[in-house]
N, C-alpha and C. Protein backbone atom coordinates (compact mmCIF):
# COMPACT_ATOMS: atom_id res chain seq x y z
N UNK A 1 1.24 -3.68 16.60
CA UNK A 1 2.48 -2.35 15.53
C UNK A 1 1.96 -1.03 15.54
N UNK A 2 2.40 0.16 15.20
CA UNK A 2 1.70 1.56 15.24
C UNK A 2 1.52 1.84 13.74
N UNK A 3 0.87 2.55 13.56
CA UNK A 3 0.26 2.64 12.07
C UNK A 3 1.59 3.09 11.34
N UNK A 4 2.97 4.07 11.93
CA UNK A 4 4.11 4.11 11.11
C UNK A 4 4.85 2.96 10.69
N UNK A 5 4.77 2.11 11.24
CA UNK A 5 5.37 0.69 11.79
C UNK A 5 4.86 0.14 10.45
N UNK A 6 3.48 -0.16 10.21
CA UNK A 6 2.45 -0.68 9.09
C UNK A 6 2.47 0.18 7.71
N UNK A 7 3.06 1.31 7.65
CA UNK A 7 3.48 2.21 6.65
C UNK A 7 4.56 1.42 6.13
N UNK A 8 5.72 1.81 6.78
CA UNK A 8 7.00 1.23 6.25
C UNK A 8 6.79 0.13 5.60
N UNK A 9 6.47 -0.99 6.61
CA UNK A 9 6.24 -2.61 6.19
C UNK A 9 5.86 -2.75 4.78
N UNK A 10 4.59 -1.82 4.55
CA UNK A 10 3.99 -1.88 3.36
C UNK A 10 4.80 -1.44 2.33
N UNK A 11 5.64 -0.30 2.65
CA UNK A 11 6.61 0.14 1.44
C UNK A 11 7.36 -0.53 1.13
N UNK A 12 7.85 -1.56 2.28
CA UNK A 12 8.75 -2.47 1.91
C UNK A 12 8.68 -3.51 1.33
N UNK A 13 7.47 -3.80 1.23
CA UNK A 13 6.84 -5.11 0.53
C UNK A 13 6.35 -4.53 -0.89
N UNK A 14 6.20 -3.46 -1.09
CA UNK A 14 6.09 -2.54 -2.43
C UNK A 14 7.48 -2.85 -3.15
N UNK A 15 8.28 -2.39 -2.35
CA UNK A 15 10.11 -2.63 -3.11
C UNK A 15 10.05 -3.71 -3.24
N UNK A 16 9.70 -4.78 -2.45
CA UNK A 16 10.06 -5.91 -2.90
C UNK A 16 9.25 -7.03 -4.13
N UNK A 17 8.04 -6.22 -4.69
CA UNK A 17 7.69 -6.57 -5.36
C UNK A 17 7.33 -5.87 -6.61
N UNK A 18 8.78 -4.96 -6.61
CA UNK A 18 8.97 -4.16 -7.79
C UNK A 18 7.92 -3.27 -8.20
N UNK A 19 7.05 -2.66 -7.31
CA UNK A 19 6.08 -1.58 -7.35
C UNK A 19 6.59 -0.32 -7.13
N UNK A 20 6.81 0.82 -7.44
CA UNK A 20 7.49 1.88 -7.25
C UNK A 20 6.36 2.90 -6.35
N UNK A 21 6.26 4.01 -5.60
CA UNK A 21 5.64 3.89 -4.51
C UNK A 21 5.84 5.81 -4.90
N UNK A 22 4.96 6.71 -4.91
CA UNK A 22 4.91 7.93 -5.59
C UNK A 22 4.73 8.85 -4.77
N UNK A 23 5.18 9.28 -4.01
CA UNK A 23 4.47 10.24 -2.99
C UNK A 23 4.48 11.78 -3.48
N UNK A 24 3.34 12.57 -3.04
CA UNK A 24 3.38 14.04 -3.62
C UNK A 24 2.14 14.76 -3.05
N UNK A 25 2.09 15.82 -2.99
CA UNK A 25 1.10 16.58 -2.42
C UNK A 25 0.07 17.48 -3.12
N UNK A 26 -0.82 17.16 -2.86
CA UNK A 26 -1.57 17.88 -3.96
C UNK A 26 -3.29 17.57 -3.41
N UNK A 27 -4.30 17.87 -4.88
CA UNK A 27 -5.46 17.37 -4.09
C UNK A 27 -6.02 16.38 -5.42
N UNK A 28 -5.70 15.02 -4.56
CA UNK A 28 -5.84 13.87 -4.85
C UNK A 28 -5.98 12.92 -4.01
N UNK A 29 -6.61 11.66 -4.22
CA UNK A 29 -6.93 10.82 -3.26
C UNK A 29 -5.18 9.60 -3.38
N UNK A 30 -5.37 9.34 -4.38
CA UNK A 30 -3.87 8.30 -4.85
C UNK A 30 -4.65 6.90 -5.05
N UNK A 31 -3.76 6.09 -5.46
CA UNK A 31 -4.10 4.61 -6.16
C UNK A 31 -2.99 3.85 -6.69
N UNK A 32 -3.57 3.10 -7.25
CA UNK A 32 -2.60 2.26 -8.42
C UNK A 32 -2.75 2.65 -9.84
N UNK A 33 -1.63 2.36 -10.36
CA UNK A 33 -1.73 2.74 -11.86
C UNK A 33 -0.34 1.93 -12.39
N UNK A 34 -0.19 1.81 -13.54
CA UNK A 34 0.56 1.70 -14.55
C UNK A 34 1.33 2.47 -15.12
N UNK A 35 2.36 2.86 -15.64
CA UNK A 35 3.24 3.81 -16.50
C UNK A 35 4.03 3.22 -17.31
N UNK A 36 3.37 2.63 -18.52
CA UNK A 36 4.06 1.86 -19.65
C UNK A 36 4.01 0.66 -19.29
N UNK A 37 5.00 0.14 -18.97
CA UNK A 37 5.37 -1.29 -18.20
C UNK A 37 5.61 -1.26 -17.00
N UNK A 38 5.73 -0.22 -15.83
CA UNK A 38 6.13 0.02 -14.58
C UNK A 38 4.49 0.07 -13.63
N UNK A 39 4.54 -0.91 -12.77
CA UNK A 39 3.24 -0.53 -11.60
C UNK A 39 3.85 0.29 -10.55
N UNK A 40 2.81 1.42 -10.62
CA UNK A 40 2.83 2.60 -9.60
C UNK A 40 2.09 2.82 -8.81
N UNK A 41 2.26 2.97 -7.28
CA UNK A 41 1.02 3.54 -6.44
C UNK A 41 1.30 4.89 -5.75
N UNK A 42 0.52 5.90 -6.10
CA UNK A 42 0.48 7.22 -5.87
C UNK A 42 -0.10 7.18 -4.77
N UNK A 43 0.40 7.88 -3.49
CA UNK A 43 0.47 8.49 -2.86
C UNK A 43 0.41 9.69 -1.99
N UNK A 44 -0.99 10.43 -1.50
CA UNK A 44 -0.68 12.05 -1.01
C UNK A 44 -0.06 12.06 0.37
N UNK A 45 1.00 13.01 0.59
CA UNK A 45 1.59 13.02 1.16
C UNK A 45 0.73 13.92 2.85
N UNK A 46 -0.49 14.26 2.06
CA UNK A 46 -1.24 15.29 2.71
C UNK A 46 -2.33 14.31 3.76
N UNK A 47 -2.54 13.16 3.38
CA UNK A 47 -3.42 12.85 3.60
C UNK A 47 -2.82 11.82 5.24
N UNK A 48 -3.58 11.50 6.04
CA UNK A 48 -3.04 10.59 7.19
C UNK A 48 -2.57 9.36 7.06
N UNK A 49 -1.52 8.92 7.78
CA UNK A 49 -0.40 8.31 7.50
C UNK A 49 -1.42 6.53 7.47
N UNK A 50 -2.73 6.52 8.09
CA UNK A 50 -3.76 5.25 8.08
C UNK A 50 -4.03 5.26 6.80
N UNK A 51 -4.55 6.35 6.01
CA UNK A 51 -5.37 6.36 4.87
C UNK A 51 -3.77 6.24 3.50
N UNK A 52 -2.67 6.41 4.15
CA UNK A 52 -1.49 6.48 2.55
C UNK A 52 -1.38 4.79 2.85
N UNK A 53 -1.53 4.27 4.27
CA UNK A 53 -1.25 2.62 4.43
C UNK A 53 -2.28 2.16 3.35
N UNK A 54 -3.57 2.36 3.97
CA UNK A 54 -5.05 1.86 2.97
C UNK A 54 -4.73 2.16 1.71
N UNK A 55 -4.29 3.36 0.75
CA UNK A 55 -3.62 3.54 -0.22
C UNK A 55 -2.62 2.33 -1.11
N UNK A 56 -1.54 2.08 -0.27
CA UNK A 56 -0.51 1.45 -0.37
C UNK A 56 -1.24 -0.10 -0.30
N UNK A 57 -1.47 -0.60 0.35
CA UNK A 57 -2.41 -1.82 0.56
C UNK A 57 -3.78 -2.16 -0.32
N UNK A 58 -4.40 -1.18 -0.95
CA UNK A 58 -5.35 -1.62 -1.69
C UNK A 58 -4.43 -1.79 -3.36
N UNK A 59 -3.50 -0.83 -3.56
CA UNK A 59 -2.31 -1.19 -4.35
C UNK A 59 -1.75 -2.55 -4.41
N UNK A 60 -1.18 -2.87 -3.31
CA UNK A 60 -0.54 -4.15 -3.08
C UNK A 60 -1.51 -5.53 -3.48
N UNK A 61 -2.83 -5.35 -2.65
CA UNK A 61 -3.84 -6.71 -3.10
C UNK A 61 -4.13 -6.68 -4.65
N UNK A 62 -4.14 -5.47 -5.55
CA UNK A 62 -4.78 -5.46 -7.00
C UNK A 62 -3.38 -5.94 -7.62
N UNK A 63 -2.37 -5.96 -7.27
CA UNK A 63 -0.93 -6.70 -7.94
C UNK A 63 -0.84 -7.92 -7.86
N UNK A 64 -1.14 -8.54 -6.04
CA UNK A 64 -1.49 -9.93 -5.73
C UNK A 64 -0.90 -9.68 -4.96
N UNK A 65 -1.20 -10.77 -3.51
CA UNK A 65 -0.27 -10.71 -2.38
C UNK A 65 0.08 -12.31 -1.80
N UNK A 66 -0.71 -13.24 -2.89
CA UNK A 66 -0.88 -15.07 -2.65
C UNK A 66 0.64 -15.21 -2.35
N UNK A 67 1.22 -15.03 -2.87
CA UNK A 67 2.84 -15.63 -2.40
C UNK A 67 3.71 -14.58 -1.86
N UNK A 68 3.44 -13.91 -1.27
CA UNK A 68 4.11 -13.13 -0.24
C UNK A 68 3.59 -13.41 1.08
N UNK A 69 4.91 -13.27 2.02
CA UNK A 69 4.39 -13.64 3.53
C UNK A 69 4.20 -11.83 4.19
N UNK A 70 2.89 -11.74 5.04
CA UNK A 70 2.85 -10.82 5.19
C UNK A 70 2.78 -10.91 6.89
N UNK A 71 3.27 -9.73 7.71
CA UNK A 71 3.18 -10.40 9.33
C UNK A 71 1.65 -10.27 9.77
N UNK A 72 1.39 -10.48 10.73
CA UNK A 72 -0.29 -10.78 11.17
C UNK A 72 -0.29 -9.37 11.15
N UNK A 73 0.17 -8.42 12.33
CA UNK A 73 -0.70 -7.22 12.01
C UNK A 73 -0.77 -6.92 10.77
N UNK A 74 -0.32 -6.86 10.22
CA UNK A 74 -0.45 -5.99 8.61
C UNK A 74 -1.56 -6.45 8.07
N UNK A 75 -1.51 -8.15 7.92
CA UNK A 75 -2.63 -8.94 7.11
C UNK A 75 -3.55 -8.25 8.51
N UNK A 76 -3.89 -7.86 9.47
CA UNK A 76 -4.91 -8.03 9.99
C UNK A 76 -5.23 -6.63 9.35
N UNK A 77 -4.70 -5.48 9.12
CA UNK A 77 -4.68 -3.73 9.33
C UNK A 77 -5.46 -3.92 7.78
N UNK A 78 -5.20 -4.78 6.51
CA UNK A 78 -5.42 -5.22 5.12
C UNK A 78 -7.00 -5.73 5.24
N UNK A 79 -7.23 -6.72 6.14
CA UNK A 79 -8.55 -7.52 6.06
C UNK A 79 -9.22 -6.15 6.48
N UNK A 80 -8.73 -5.75 7.81
CA UNK A 80 -10.21 -4.61 8.41
C UNK A 80 -10.37 -3.96 7.87
N UNK A 81 -9.58 -3.22 6.96
CA UNK A 81 -9.41 -1.43 6.40
C UNK A 81 -9.75 -1.80 4.97
N UNK A 82 -9.55 -3.07 4.06
CA UNK A 82 -10.23 -3.46 2.99
C UNK A 82 -11.48 -4.36 2.27
N UNK A 83 -11.91 -5.01 3.92
CA UNK A 83 -12.79 -5.89 4.16
C UNK A 83 -12.77 -6.98 3.06
N UNK A 84 -11.12 -7.53 3.41
CA UNK A 84 -11.05 -8.53 2.35
C UNK A 84 -10.19 -9.70 3.46
N UNK A 85 -10.22 -10.84 2.76
CA UNK A 85 -9.65 -12.43 3.87
C UNK A 85 -8.26 -12.14 2.62
N UNK A 86 -7.12 -12.41 3.54
CA UNK A 86 -5.89 -12.83 2.37
C UNK A 86 -5.28 -14.06 2.85
């Protein structure tokens, strides 16, 4: 699975989990946060696709992935880039 497909899959997971992904450009790295009751992951569009995917994956893992199916290629991406086992 290529980098763009991994990013698309992670964005789809976020949507299914009720997490809003906000994309912007600027001098920031990105990450997850809460705005009132909303779960939000902020992504910098100026960063490479692989970095954007890593930021989204970090946000998703912090909100919990135990109850969600993850295709093997994305599972491998998360485990290798975040150094965790899911």
